N, C-alpha and C. Protein backbone atom coordinates (compact mmCIF):
# COMPACT_ATOMS: atom_id res chain seq x y z
N MET A 1 -72.78 -68.92 15.00
CA MET A 1 -73.70 -68.79 16.29
C MET A 1 -73.55 -67.48 16.66
N ALA A 2 -74.57 -66.65 17.16
CA ALA A 2 -74.61 -65.35 17.61
C ALA A 2 -74.29 -65.51 18.81
N ASP A 3 -73.54 -64.30 19.54
CA ASP A 3 -73.15 -64.43 20.91
C ASP A 3 -74.27 -64.64 21.89
N GLY A 4 -75.42 -63.96 21.44
CA GLY A 4 -76.64 -64.38 22.46
C GLY A 4 -77.06 -65.75 22.62
N LYS A 5 -76.79 -66.47 21.55
CA LYS A 5 -77.25 -68.08 21.53
C LYS A 5 -76.25 -68.62 22.24
N LEU A 6 -74.86 -68.14 21.97
CA LEU A 6 -73.69 -68.92 22.70
C LEU A 6 -73.66 -68.72 24.28
N LEU A 7 -74.11 -67.60 24.76
CA LEU A 7 -74.31 -67.45 26.02
C LEU A 7 -75.44 -68.10 26.66
N ASP A 8 -76.18 -68.94 26.15
CA ASP A 8 -77.07 -69.65 26.38
C ASP A 8 -76.39 -70.89 27.13
N ARG A 9 -75.18 -71.34 26.23
CA ARG A 9 -74.71 -72.17 26.79
C ARG A 9 -73.99 -72.25 28.19
N ILE A 10 -73.80 -71.02 28.91
CA ILE A 10 -73.39 -70.64 30.06
C ILE A 10 -74.36 -70.73 31.06
N ALA A 11 -74.20 -71.65 32.30
CA ALA A 11 -75.25 -71.63 33.47
C ALA A 11 -74.44 -71.09 34.31
N ILE A 12 -75.27 -70.63 35.46
CA ILE A 12 -74.74 -70.17 36.68
C ILE A 12 -75.89 -70.58 37.53
N ASP A 13 -75.35 -71.40 38.19
CA ASP A 13 -76.40 -71.96 39.32
C ASP A 13 -75.61 -72.36 40.84
N ALA A 14 -75.98 -71.81 41.91
CA ALA A 14 -75.34 -71.82 43.14
C ALA A 14 -75.24 -73.18 43.69
N ALA A 15 -76.09 -74.14 43.31
CA ALA A 15 -75.91 -75.52 43.65
C ALA A 15 -74.84 -76.28 42.76
N ILE A 16 -74.21 -75.65 41.83
CA ILE A 16 -73.24 -76.22 40.85
C ILE A 16 -72.27 -75.50 40.88
N CYS A 17 -70.85 -76.25 41.40
CA CYS A 17 -69.71 -75.72 40.97
C CYS A 17 -69.55 -74.04 41.93
N ALA A 18 -70.43 -74.19 42.94
CA ALA A 18 -70.54 -72.85 43.80
C ALA A 18 -70.83 -71.59 43.24
N GLY A 19 -71.66 -71.94 42.41
CA GLY A 19 -72.08 -70.69 41.37
C GLY A 19 -71.16 -70.01 40.56
N ARG A 20 -70.10 -70.92 40.30
CA ARG A 20 -69.11 -70.27 39.30
C ARG A 20 -69.72 -70.62 37.80
N PRO A 21 -69.38 -69.67 37.05
CA PRO A 21 -70.24 -69.97 35.54
C PRO A 21 -69.69 -71.48 35.05
N CYS A 22 -70.57 -72.17 34.44
CA CYS A 22 -70.03 -73.70 33.87
C CYS A 22 -70.67 -73.56 32.71
N VAL A 23 -70.13 -74.74 31.84
CA VAL A 23 -70.88 -75.10 30.50
C VAL A 23 -72.17 -75.61 31.24
N ARG A 24 -73.41 -75.10 30.27
CA ARG A 24 -74.86 -75.78 30.67
C ARG A 24 -74.65 -77.39 30.54
N GLY A 25 -74.86 -77.92 31.58
CA GLY A 25 -75.25 -79.47 31.70
C GLY A 25 -74.16 -80.33 31.89
N THR A 26 -72.92 -79.38 32.30
CA THR A 26 -71.91 -80.04 32.90
C THR A 26 -71.59 -79.33 34.07
N ARG A 27 -70.45 -80.03 34.88
CA ARG A 27 -69.68 -79.22 35.89
C ARG A 27 -68.33 -78.72 35.61
N ILE A 28 -68.33 -78.30 34.27
CA ILE A 28 -67.07 -77.78 33.88
C ILE A 28 -66.84 -76.26 34.01
N PRO A 29 -66.35 -75.82 34.76
CA PRO A 29 -66.05 -74.20 34.97
C PRO A 29 -65.49 -73.73 33.87
N ILE A 30 -66.26 -72.28 33.28
CA ILE A 30 -65.52 -71.94 32.03
C ILE A 30 -64.11 -71.52 32.36
N ALA A 31 -63.73 -71.21 33.52
CA ALA A 31 -62.60 -70.73 33.97
C ALA A 31 -61.24 -71.74 33.36
N ILE A 32 -61.94 -72.94 33.43
CA ILE A 32 -60.86 -74.16 33.22
C ILE A 32 -60.78 -73.91 31.86
N ILE A 33 -61.50 -73.79 30.88
CA ILE A 33 -61.44 -74.00 29.50
C ILE A 33 -60.71 -72.49 29.12
N LEU A 34 -61.03 -71.43 29.74
CA LEU A 34 -60.03 -70.15 29.51
C LEU A 34 -58.65 -70.44 29.86
N ASP A 35 -58.67 -71.08 30.98
CA ASP A 35 -57.05 -71.27 31.42
C ASP A 35 -56.44 -72.28 30.28
N GLY A 36 -56.83 -73.06 29.95
CA GLY A 36 -56.55 -74.17 29.10
C GLY A 36 -56.00 -73.32 27.56
N LEU A 37 -57.14 -72.15 27.08
CA LEU A 37 -56.75 -71.48 25.91
C LEU A 37 -55.66 -70.84 25.98
N ALA A 38 -55.45 -70.04 27.42
CA ALA A 38 -54.39 -69.49 27.56
C ALA A 38 -53.16 -69.80 27.77
N GLU A 39 -53.22 -71.37 28.31
CA GLU A 39 -51.80 -71.99 27.88
C GLU A 39 -51.21 -72.27 26.62
N GLY A 40 -52.28 -71.94 25.72
CA GLY A 40 -51.74 -72.95 24.46
C GLY A 40 -52.74 -73.77 23.98
N LEU A 41 -53.38 -74.56 24.86
CA LEU A 41 -54.23 -75.52 24.26
C LEU A 41 -55.20 -75.07 23.13
N THR A 42 -55.41 -75.77 22.10
CA THR A 42 -56.50 -75.61 21.23
C THR A 42 -57.83 -76.02 21.68
N ALA A 43 -58.89 -75.61 20.93
CA ALA A 43 -60.02 -76.23 21.12
C ALA A 43 -60.25 -77.59 21.12
N GLU A 44 -59.58 -78.49 20.35
CA GLU A 44 -59.50 -79.83 20.11
C GLU A 44 -58.94 -80.36 21.08
N GLN A 45 -57.59 -80.02 21.46
CA GLN A 45 -57.31 -80.44 22.68
C GLN A 45 -58.23 -80.45 24.24
N ILE A 46 -58.76 -79.42 24.06
CA ILE A 46 -59.79 -79.24 25.50
C ILE A 46 -60.86 -80.41 25.24
N ILE A 47 -61.40 -80.16 24.45
CA ILE A 47 -62.26 -81.27 24.01
C ILE A 47 -61.83 -82.78 24.25
N ASP A 48 -60.57 -83.02 23.61
CA ASP A 48 -59.86 -84.34 23.93
C ASP A 48 -60.23 -84.59 25.44
N HIS A 49 -59.94 -83.59 26.37
CA HIS A 49 -59.75 -83.85 27.90
C HIS A 49 -61.40 -83.95 28.19
N TYR A 50 -62.12 -83.12 27.92
CA TYR A 50 -63.52 -83.03 28.15
C TYR A 50 -64.08 -83.41 27.20
N PRO A 51 -64.54 -84.82 26.62
CA PRO A 51 -65.11 -85.13 25.50
C PRO A 51 -66.77 -84.89 25.59
N GLN A 52 -67.16 -84.10 26.69
CA GLN A 52 -68.76 -84.13 26.45
C GLN A 52 -68.77 -82.30 26.18
N LEU A 53 -67.87 -81.72 26.00
CA LEU A 53 -67.78 -80.02 25.10
C LEU A 53 -68.02 -80.35 23.44
N ALA A 54 -68.68 -79.36 23.13
CA ALA A 54 -68.82 -79.33 21.98
C ALA A 54 -68.08 -77.76 21.38
N PRO A 55 -67.60 -77.78 20.06
CA PRO A 55 -66.86 -76.60 19.91
C PRO A 55 -67.70 -75.32 20.35
N ASP A 56 -68.66 -75.42 20.12
CA ASP A 56 -69.76 -74.24 20.38
C ASP A 56 -69.38 -73.90 21.80
N ASP A 57 -69.30 -74.75 22.65
CA ASP A 57 -68.91 -74.70 24.22
C ASP A 57 -67.75 -73.69 24.38
N ILE A 58 -66.69 -74.01 23.74
CA ILE A 58 -65.53 -73.47 23.76
C ILE A 58 -65.77 -71.99 23.47
N ARG A 59 -66.42 -71.48 22.01
CA ARG A 59 -66.89 -70.32 21.71
C ARG A 59 -67.61 -69.50 22.77
N ALA A 60 -68.50 -70.46 23.47
CA ALA A 60 -69.47 -69.72 24.35
C ALA A 60 -68.57 -69.28 25.62
N THR A 61 -67.70 -70.08 25.89
CA THR A 61 -66.67 -69.67 27.08
C THR A 61 -65.75 -67.90 26.85
N LEU A 62 -65.44 -67.90 25.47
CA LEU A 62 -64.88 -66.94 24.96
C LEU A 62 -65.84 -65.57 24.80
N ALA A 63 -67.25 -65.99 24.45
CA ALA A 63 -68.10 -65.06 24.19
C ALA A 63 -68.48 -64.37 25.63
N TYR A 64 -68.60 -65.27 26.73
CA TYR A 64 -69.00 -65.01 28.19
C TYR A 64 -67.65 -64.00 28.50
N ALA A 65 -66.50 -64.42 28.05
CA ALA A 65 -65.31 -63.39 28.82
C ALA A 65 -65.21 -62.31 28.09
N GLY A 66 -65.83 -62.19 26.75
CA GLY A 66 -65.73 -60.81 25.95
C GLY A 66 -67.06 -60.07 26.83
N GLU A 67 -67.95 -60.69 27.13
CA GLU A 67 -69.05 -60.16 28.10
C GLU A 67 -68.62 -59.50 29.00
N LEU A 68 -68.12 -60.06 30.00
CA LEU A 68 -67.30 -59.39 31.09
C LEU A 68 -66.54 -58.33 30.75
N ALA A 69 -65.46 -58.44 29.96
CA ALA A 69 -64.94 -57.60 29.69
C ALA A 69 -65.25 -56.21 29.04
N ARG A 70 -66.57 -56.22 28.39
CA ARG A 70 -67.17 -54.91 27.72
C ARG A 70 -68.11 -54.47 29.31
N GLU A 71 -68.14 -55.32 30.02
CA GLU A 71 -69.20 -54.79 31.21
C GLU A 71 -68.30 -54.12 32.21
N GLN A 72 -67.00 -54.25 31.98
CA GLN A 72 -65.83 -53.60 32.88
C GLN A 72 -66.04 -54.28 34.08
N VAL A 73 -66.23 -55.66 34.24
CA VAL A 73 -66.38 -56.33 35.62
C VAL A 73 -64.91 -56.77 35.54
N TRP A 74 -63.92 -56.56 36.43
CA TRP A 74 -62.52 -57.00 36.70
C TRP A 74 -62.29 -56.97 38.19
N LYS A 75 -61.55 -58.06 38.53
CA LYS A 75 -61.15 -58.18 39.63
C LYS A 75 -59.49 -57.94 39.86
N THR A 76 -59.07 -57.24 40.40
CA THR A 76 -57.84 -56.90 40.47
C THR A 76 -56.98 -57.45 41.66
N ALA A 77 -55.75 -57.72 41.71
CA ALA A 77 -54.97 -58.19 42.87
C ALA A 77 -54.74 -56.98 43.68
N VAL A 78 -54.70 -57.13 45.01
CA VAL A 78 -54.64 -56.17 46.01
C VAL A 78 -53.19 -56.38 46.39
């Protein structure tokens, strides 16, 4: 699936999770998925914890993170 299609799986809505990016149709922030991957969880383990997710949702979170990195939108600790 192309990155553009993957990014369609990400939603940002001020009424859901305070506007944090989430997997479309869920209240699962992509930060939770990225944190799990960073901790060493596999996509399958994350899906076991959140069975409403599909493998393309995991890939969509990575595509979203990649897009942010390309846009050079970074927050740094002060």
